[in-house]
Amino acid sequence: MSQVTSARLLPQKPSRWAKILLNRKVPILLFFLLELAFLVFSYLSLQEHFPSIILWEHLLSVFTFFYLLNRSMDSRSKLSWMIIIALFPIFGTALLYFSLADLGVRRLKKRCRINGLRMLQCRHPTI
């Protein structure tokens, strides 16, 4: 009897290791661990050479935490900001104050007041 070869309709299933390595969670976990290692290394090297920078960084994050606790804001937003500030004190604090400033929205409101338009008309001039 002769062997009959047939065409495969479905692609061959990847192996178990290929599934694990190609999973979305593995690269995210690897990048997270790499970033964590970088932060620990940076922290240790800064602690050795620049202890005053670390002191000011901690004071900045403590004052920002108290500012966030006393601000009227959704608790989920407060917790998110606290996590960001705990991980990146200088960058997180700058980002918080930049987002609270609403520079673009304030400029848009001022321009609408000058032109005497309602906010909806100013955003969508065709209405």
N, C-alpha and C. Protein backbone atom coordinates (compact mmCIF):
# COMPACT_ATOMS: atom_id res chain seq x y z
N MET A 1 0.83 -1.18 0.00
CA MET A 1 0.00 0.00 0.00
C MET A 1 0.87 1.24 0.00
N SER A 2 0.44 2.19 -0.71
CA SER A 2 1.21 3.42 -0.80
C SER A 2 0.72 4.43 0.23
N GLN A 3 1.67 5.20 0.67
CA GLN A 3 1.35 6.25 1.64
C GLN A 3 0.67 7.41 0.92
N VAL A 4 -0.39 7.87 1.45
CA VAL A 4 -1.10 9.02 0.89
C VAL A 4 -0.76 10.22 1.75
N THR A 5 -0.19 11.23 1.11
CA THR A 5 0.12 12.45 1.85
C THR A 5 -1.05 13.41 1.73
N SER A 6 -1.36 14.00 2.79
CA SER A 6 -2.48 14.94 2.78
C SER A 6 -1.99 16.32 3.20
N ALA A 7 -2.68 17.31 2.76
CA ALA A 7 -2.35 18.69 3.12
C ALA A 7 -2.90 19.00 4.49
N ARG A 8 -2.11 19.73 5.28
CA ARG A 8 -2.58 20.13 6.60
C ARG A 8 -3.43 21.39 6.45
N LEU A 9 -4.62 21.32 7.00
CA LEU A 9 -5.50 22.48 6.93
C LEU A 9 -5.20 23.48 8.05
N LEU A 10 -4.83 22.97 9.20
CA LEU A 10 -4.52 23.84 10.33
C LEU A 10 -3.02 23.87 10.54
N PRO A 11 -2.48 25.01 10.95
CA PRO A 11 -1.04 25.07 11.20
C PRO A 11 -0.68 24.19 12.39
N GLN A 12 0.57 23.78 12.43
CA GLN A 12 1.04 22.95 13.52
C GLN A 12 1.04 23.76 14.81
N LYS A 13 0.62 23.14 15.90
CA LYS A 13 0.55 23.84 17.18
C LYS A 13 1.95 24.11 17.69
N PRO A 14 2.16 25.31 18.25
CA PRO A 14 3.49 25.60 18.81
C PRO A 14 3.74 24.76 20.06
N SER A 15 5.00 24.55 20.35
CA SER A 15 5.35 23.76 21.53
C SER A 15 5.01 24.52 22.81
N ARG A 16 5.11 23.82 23.92
CA ARG A 16 4.76 24.43 25.20
C ARG A 16 5.71 25.58 25.53
N TRP A 17 7.01 25.41 25.24
CA TRP A 17 7.98 26.47 25.52
C TRP A 17 7.76 27.67 24.61
N ALA A 18 7.38 27.43 23.38
CA ALA A 18 7.10 28.55 22.47
C ALA A 18 5.90 29.34 22.96
N LYS A 19 4.89 28.64 23.48
CA LYS A 19 3.72 29.35 24.02
C LYS A 19 4.11 30.22 25.21
N ILE A 20 4.99 29.68 26.06
CA ILE A 20 5.39 30.44 27.25
C ILE A 20 6.21 31.67 26.86
N LEU A 21 7.16 31.49 25.93
CA LEU A 21 8.03 32.60 25.55
C LEU A 21 7.30 33.65 24.71
N LEU A 22 6.31 33.23 23.92
CA LEU A 22 5.59 34.18 23.08
C LEU A 22 4.39 34.79 23.77
N ASN A 23 4.16 34.41 25.01
CA ASN A 23 3.06 34.97 25.77
C ASN A 23 3.32 36.45 26.03
N ARG A 24 2.29 37.23 26.14
CA ARG A 24 2.43 38.67 26.34
C ARG A 24 3.00 39.01 27.71
N LYS A 25 2.76 38.17 28.68
CA LYS A 25 3.17 38.49 30.04
C LYS A 25 4.68 38.35 30.25
N VAL A 26 5.32 37.47 29.50
CA VAL A 26 6.75 37.22 29.71
C VAL A 26 7.59 38.44 29.36
N PRO A 27 7.44 39.07 28.18
CA PRO A 27 8.26 40.27 27.92
C PRO A 27 7.97 41.41 28.88
N ILE A 28 6.71 41.56 29.28
CA ILE A 28 6.37 42.62 30.24
C ILE A 28 7.06 42.36 31.57
N LEU A 29 7.05 41.11 32.01
CA LEU A 29 7.71 40.76 33.26
C LEU A 29 9.22 40.97 33.15
N LEU A 30 9.81 40.59 32.02
CA LEU A 30 11.25 40.78 31.84
C LEU A 30 11.63 42.26 31.85
N PHE A 31 10.85 43.09 31.15
CA PHE A 31 11.13 44.52 31.15
C PHE A 31 10.93 45.13 32.53
N PHE A 32 9.93 44.66 33.25
CA PHE A 32 9.69 45.15 34.61
C PHE A 32 10.87 44.79 35.51
N LEU A 33 11.36 43.56 35.41
CA LEU A 33 12.50 43.15 36.22
C LEU A 33 13.76 43.93 35.84
N LEU A 34 13.93 44.19 34.55
CA LEU A 34 15.07 44.97 34.09
C LEU A 34 15.01 46.40 34.63
N GLU A 35 13.83 47.00 34.59
CA GLU A 35 13.66 48.35 35.12
C GLU A 35 13.87 48.37 36.63
N LEU A 36 13.37 47.35 37.32
CA LEU A 36 13.56 47.27 38.76
C LEU A 36 15.04 47.13 39.11
N ALA A 37 15.76 46.31 38.36
CA ALA A 37 17.20 46.17 38.59
C ALA A 37 17.92 47.49 38.34
N PHE A 38 17.52 48.20 37.30
CA PHE A 38 18.11 49.51 37.01
C PHE A 38 17.84 50.50 38.15
N LEU A 39 16.61 50.50 38.68
CA LEU A 39 16.28 51.41 39.77
C LEU A 39 17.08 51.09 41.03
N VAL A 40 17.21 49.80 41.34
CA VAL A 40 17.97 49.41 42.53
C VAL A 40 19.44 49.79 42.36
N PHE A 41 19.99 49.51 41.18
CA PHE A 41 21.39 49.87 40.92
C PHE A 41 21.58 51.38 41.01
N SER A 42 20.67 52.14 40.43
CA SER A 42 20.77 53.61 40.48
C SER A 42 20.66 54.11 41.91
N TYR A 43 19.74 53.52 42.65
CA TYR A 43 19.54 53.94 44.04
C TYR A 43 20.79 53.68 44.86
N LEU A 44 21.38 52.49 44.69
CA LEU A 44 22.57 52.17 45.46
C LEU A 44 23.76 53.04 45.07
N SER A 45 23.92 53.30 43.79
CA SER A 45 25.04 54.15 43.37
C SER A 45 24.83 55.60 43.80
N LEU A 46 23.60 56.10 43.75
CA LEU A 46 23.35 57.47 44.22
C LEU A 46 23.50 57.57 45.73
N GLN A 47 23.12 56.52 46.42
CA GLN A 47 23.24 56.53 47.87
C GLN A 47 24.71 56.60 48.28
N GLU A 48 25.54 55.97 47.52
CA GLU A 48 26.96 55.96 47.83
C GLU A 48 27.61 57.32 47.55
N HIS A 49 27.22 57.97 46.47
CA HIS A 49 27.90 59.19 46.04
C HIS A 49 27.16 60.48 46.40
N PHE A 50 25.85 60.45 46.40
CA PHE A 50 25.08 61.68 46.60
C PHE A 50 23.97 61.47 47.64
N PRO A 51 24.29 61.38 48.92
CA PRO A 51 23.24 61.14 49.92
C PRO A 51 22.27 62.32 50.06
N SER A 52 22.69 63.53 49.76
CA SER A 52 21.78 64.67 49.90
C SER A 52 20.69 64.64 48.83
N ILE A 53 21.00 64.13 47.64
CA ILE A 53 19.97 64.01 46.59
C ILE A 53 18.87 63.08 47.03
N ILE A 54 19.26 61.98 47.65
CA ILE A 54 18.27 61.01 48.11
C ILE A 54 17.42 61.60 49.23
N LEU A 55 18.04 62.37 50.12
CA LEU A 55 17.27 63.01 51.19
C LEU A 55 16.23 63.96 50.61
N TRP A 56 16.61 64.82 49.66
CA TRP A 56 15.67 65.76 49.04
C TRP A 56 14.59 65.02 48.26
N GLU A 57 14.97 63.92 47.63
CA GLU A 57 13.99 63.13 46.89
C GLU A 57 12.93 62.55 47.83
N HIS A 58 13.37 62.04 48.99
CA HIS A 58 12.42 61.50 49.96
C HIS A 58 11.54 62.59 50.55
N LEU A 59 12.12 63.73 50.85
CA LEU A 59 11.31 64.84 51.37
C LEU A 59 10.27 65.30 50.35
N LEU A 60 10.68 65.38 49.09
CA LEU A 60 9.74 65.77 48.04
C LEU A 60 8.58 64.78 47.94
N SER A 61 8.88 63.49 48.00
CA SER A 61 7.82 62.50 47.89
C SER A 61 6.91 62.52 49.12
N VAL A 62 7.47 62.76 50.32
CA VAL A 62 6.64 62.83 51.53
C VAL A 62 5.69 64.03 51.46
N PHE A 63 6.21 65.20 51.08
CA PHE A 63 5.35 66.38 50.97
C PHE A 63 4.28 66.20 49.88
N THR A 64 4.65 65.54 48.80
CA THR A 64 3.68 65.30 47.74
C THR A 64 2.61 64.32 48.20
N PHE A 65 2.99 63.31 48.99
CA PHE A 65 2.00 62.38 49.54
C PHE A 65 1.00 63.11 50.42
N PHE A 66 1.51 64.00 51.30
CA PHE A 66 0.60 64.76 52.15
C PHE A 66 -0.29 65.68 51.33
N TYR A 67 0.26 66.27 50.29
CA TYR A 67 -0.55 67.11 49.40
C TYR A 67 -1.67 66.29 48.76
N LEU A 68 -1.33 65.10 48.29
CA LEU A 68 -2.35 64.25 47.67
C LEU A 68 -3.41 63.80 48.66
N LEU A 69 -3.01 63.48 49.88
CA LEU A 69 -3.98 63.04 50.89
C LEU A 69 -4.97 64.14 51.24
N ASN A 70 -4.52 65.39 51.25
CA ASN A 70 -5.39 66.50 51.61
C ASN A 70 -6.17 67.06 50.43
N ARG A 71 -5.91 66.61 49.24
CA ARG A 71 -6.58 67.12 48.05
C ARG A 71 -7.89 66.37 47.83
N SER A 72 -8.92 67.07 47.39
CA SER A 72 -10.19 66.40 47.09
C SER A 72 -10.08 65.78 45.71
N MET A 73 -9.94 64.46 45.70
CA MET A 73 -9.72 63.72 44.47
C MET A 73 -10.25 62.30 44.69
N ASP A 74 -10.56 61.63 43.62
CA ASP A 74 -11.01 60.26 43.71
C ASP A 74 -9.92 59.40 44.34
N SER A 75 -10.30 58.47 45.21
CA SER A 75 -9.30 57.67 45.93
C SER A 75 -8.49 56.78 44.99
N ARG A 76 -9.10 56.33 43.90
CA ARG A 76 -8.34 55.51 42.93
C ARG A 76 -7.27 56.36 42.26
N SER A 77 -7.60 57.60 41.96
CA SER A 77 -6.60 58.50 41.37
C SER A 77 -5.48 58.79 42.35
N LYS A 78 -5.84 59.00 43.61
CA LYS A 78 -4.82 59.25 44.63
C LYS A 78 -3.86 58.07 44.74
N LEU A 79 -4.42 56.86 44.76
CA LEU A 79 -3.58 55.68 44.89
C LEU A 79 -2.68 55.51 43.67
N SER A 80 -3.22 55.78 42.49
CA SER A 80 -2.40 55.69 41.28
C SER A 80 -1.26 56.68 41.32
N TRP A 81 -1.55 57.91 41.72
CA TRP A 81 -0.50 58.92 41.79
C TRP A 81 0.53 58.56 42.86
N MET A 82 0.09 57.99 43.97
CA MET A 82 1.04 57.62 45.02
C MET A 82 1.98 56.52 44.55
N ILE A 83 1.47 55.57 43.78
CA ILE A 83 2.33 54.52 43.24
C ILE A 83 3.36 55.10 42.28
N ILE A 84 2.90 55.99 41.40
CA ILE A 84 3.82 56.62 40.45
C ILE A 84 4.88 57.42 41.18
N ILE A 85 4.48 58.17 42.20
CA ILE A 85 5.43 59.01 42.94
C ILE A 85 6.36 58.15 43.79
N ALA A 86 5.88 57.02 44.30
CA ALA A 86 6.75 56.13 45.07
C ALA A 86 7.83 55.51 44.19
N LEU A 87 7.47 55.18 42.95
CA LEU A 87 8.46 54.58 42.05
C LEU A 87 9.41 55.61 41.46
N PHE A 88 8.87 56.76 41.06
CA PHE A 88 9.67 57.81 40.42
C PHE A 88 9.37 59.14 41.11
N PRO A 89 10.03 59.44 42.24
CA PRO A 89 9.63 60.62 43.02
C PRO A 89 9.73 61.94 42.27
N ILE A 90 10.82 62.21 41.60
CA ILE A 90 11.00 63.51 40.95
C ILE A 90 10.12 63.60 39.72
N PHE A 91 10.19 62.60 38.86
CA PHE A 91 9.38 62.59 37.65
C PHE A 91 7.88 62.54 37.98
N GLY A 92 7.49 61.71 38.95
CA GLY A 92 6.08 61.59 39.33
C GLY A 92 5.52 62.88 39.89
N THR A 93 6.30 63.57 40.72
CA THR A 93 5.85 64.84 41.28
C THR A 93 5.70 65.89 40.19
N ALA A 94 6.67 65.94 39.29
CA ALA A 94 6.58 66.90 38.19
C ALA A 94 5.37 66.60 37.30
N LEU A 95 5.13 65.34 37.03
CA LEU A 95 3.99 64.95 36.21
C LEU A 95 2.67 65.27 36.91
N LEU A 96 2.61 65.06 38.22
CA LEU A 96 1.40 65.38 38.98
C LEU A 96 1.09 66.88 38.89
N TYR A 97 2.08 67.72 39.17
CA TYR A 97 1.82 69.16 39.13
C TYR A 97 1.53 69.65 37.71
N PHE A 98 2.14 69.03 36.73
CA PHE A 98 1.85 69.40 35.35
C PHE A 98 0.43 69.03 34.97
N SER A 99 -0.03 67.85 35.40
CA SER A 99 -1.40 67.44 35.06
C SER A 99 -2.43 68.23 35.86
N LEU A 100 -2.10 68.64 37.07
CA LEU A 100 -3.04 69.44 37.85
C LEU A 100 -3.12 70.88 37.35
N ALA A 101 -2.11 71.33 36.66
CA ALA A 101 -2.10 72.71 36.17
C ALA A 101 -3.10 72.91 35.03
N ASP A 102 -3.36 71.89 34.23
CA ASP A 102 -4.29 71.97 33.09
C ASP A 102 -3.99 73.18 32.21
N LEU A 103 -2.77 73.29 31.78
CA LEU A 103 -2.35 74.46 31.01
C LEU A 103 -3.14 74.60 29.72
N GLY A 104 -3.33 73.53 28.99
CA GLY A 104 -4.05 73.60 27.72
C GLY A 104 -5.51 73.93 27.91
N VAL A 105 -6.14 73.35 28.92
CA VAL A 105 -7.57 73.60 29.16
C VAL A 105 -7.77 75.04 29.63
N ARG A 106 -6.90 75.52 30.47
CA ARG A 106 -7.03 76.91 30.94
C ARG A 106 -6.87 77.89 29.79
N ARG A 107 -5.92 77.62 28.90
CA ARG A 107 -5.72 78.49 27.75
C ARG A 107 -6.94 78.47 26.83
N LEU A 108 -7.54 77.28 26.64
CA LEU A 108 -8.72 77.16 25.81
C LEU A 108 -9.91 77.91 26.42
N LYS A 109 -10.08 77.80 27.74
CA LYS A 109 -11.17 78.52 28.41
C LYS A 109 -10.98 80.03 28.30
N LYS A 110 -9.74 80.48 28.44
CA LYS A 110 -9.46 81.91 28.34
C LYS A 110 -9.76 82.41 26.93
N ARG A 111 -9.38 81.65 25.92
CA ARG A 111 -9.63 82.04 24.54
C ARG A 111 -11.14 82.06 24.26
N CYS A 112 -11.87 81.11 24.83
CA CYS A 112 -13.33 81.08 24.63
C CYS A 112 -13.99 82.28 25.32
N ARG A 113 -13.49 82.65 26.52
CA ARG A 113 -14.06 83.81 27.21
C ARG A 113 -13.80 85.09 26.44
N ILE A 114 -12.62 85.19 25.85
CA ILE A 114 -12.29 86.39 25.08
C ILE A 114 -13.20 86.50 23.86
N ASN A 115 -13.46 85.39 23.20
CA ASN A 115 -14.30 85.39 22.01
C ASN A 115 -15.78 85.37 22.34
N GLY A 116 -16.14 85.18 23.61
CA GLY A 116 -17.54 85.17 24.01
C GLY A 116 -18.28 83.91 23.57
N LEU A 117 -17.58 82.81 23.45
CA LEU A 117 -18.19 81.56 23.02
C LEU A 117 -18.39 80.64 24.20
N ARG A 118 -19.37 79.77 24.07
CA ARG A 118 -19.52 78.73 25.07
C ARG A 118 -18.43 77.69 24.85
N MET A 119 -18.14 76.87 25.87
CA MET A 119 -17.05 75.90 25.78
C MET A 119 -17.32 74.89 24.67
N LEU A 120 -18.57 74.47 24.51
CA LEU A 120 -18.91 73.48 23.48
C LEU A 120 -18.68 74.06 22.10
N GLN A 121 -19.03 75.34 21.88
CA GLN A 121 -18.80 75.97 20.58
C GLN A 121 -17.30 76.15 20.31
N CYS A 122 -16.55 76.38 21.37
CA CYS A 122 -15.13 76.61 21.18
C CYS A 122 -14.42 75.30 20.81
N ARG A 123 -14.86 74.20 21.36
CA ARG A 123 -14.25 72.91 21.02
C ARG A 123 -14.66 72.45 19.63
N HIS A 124 -15.92 72.65 19.29
CA HIS A 124 -16.46 72.21 18.01
C HIS A 124 -17.04 73.42 17.29
N PRO A 125 -16.25 74.11 16.49
CA PRO A 125 -16.72 75.35 15.86
C PRO A 125 -17.86 75.14 14.87
N THR A 126 -18.10 73.91 14.43
CA THR A 126 -19.16 73.68 13.46
C THR A 126 -20.53 73.62 14.11
N ILE A 127 -20.60 73.52 15.42
CA ILE A 127 -21.91 73.39 16.10
C ILE A 127 -22.55 74.74 16.22
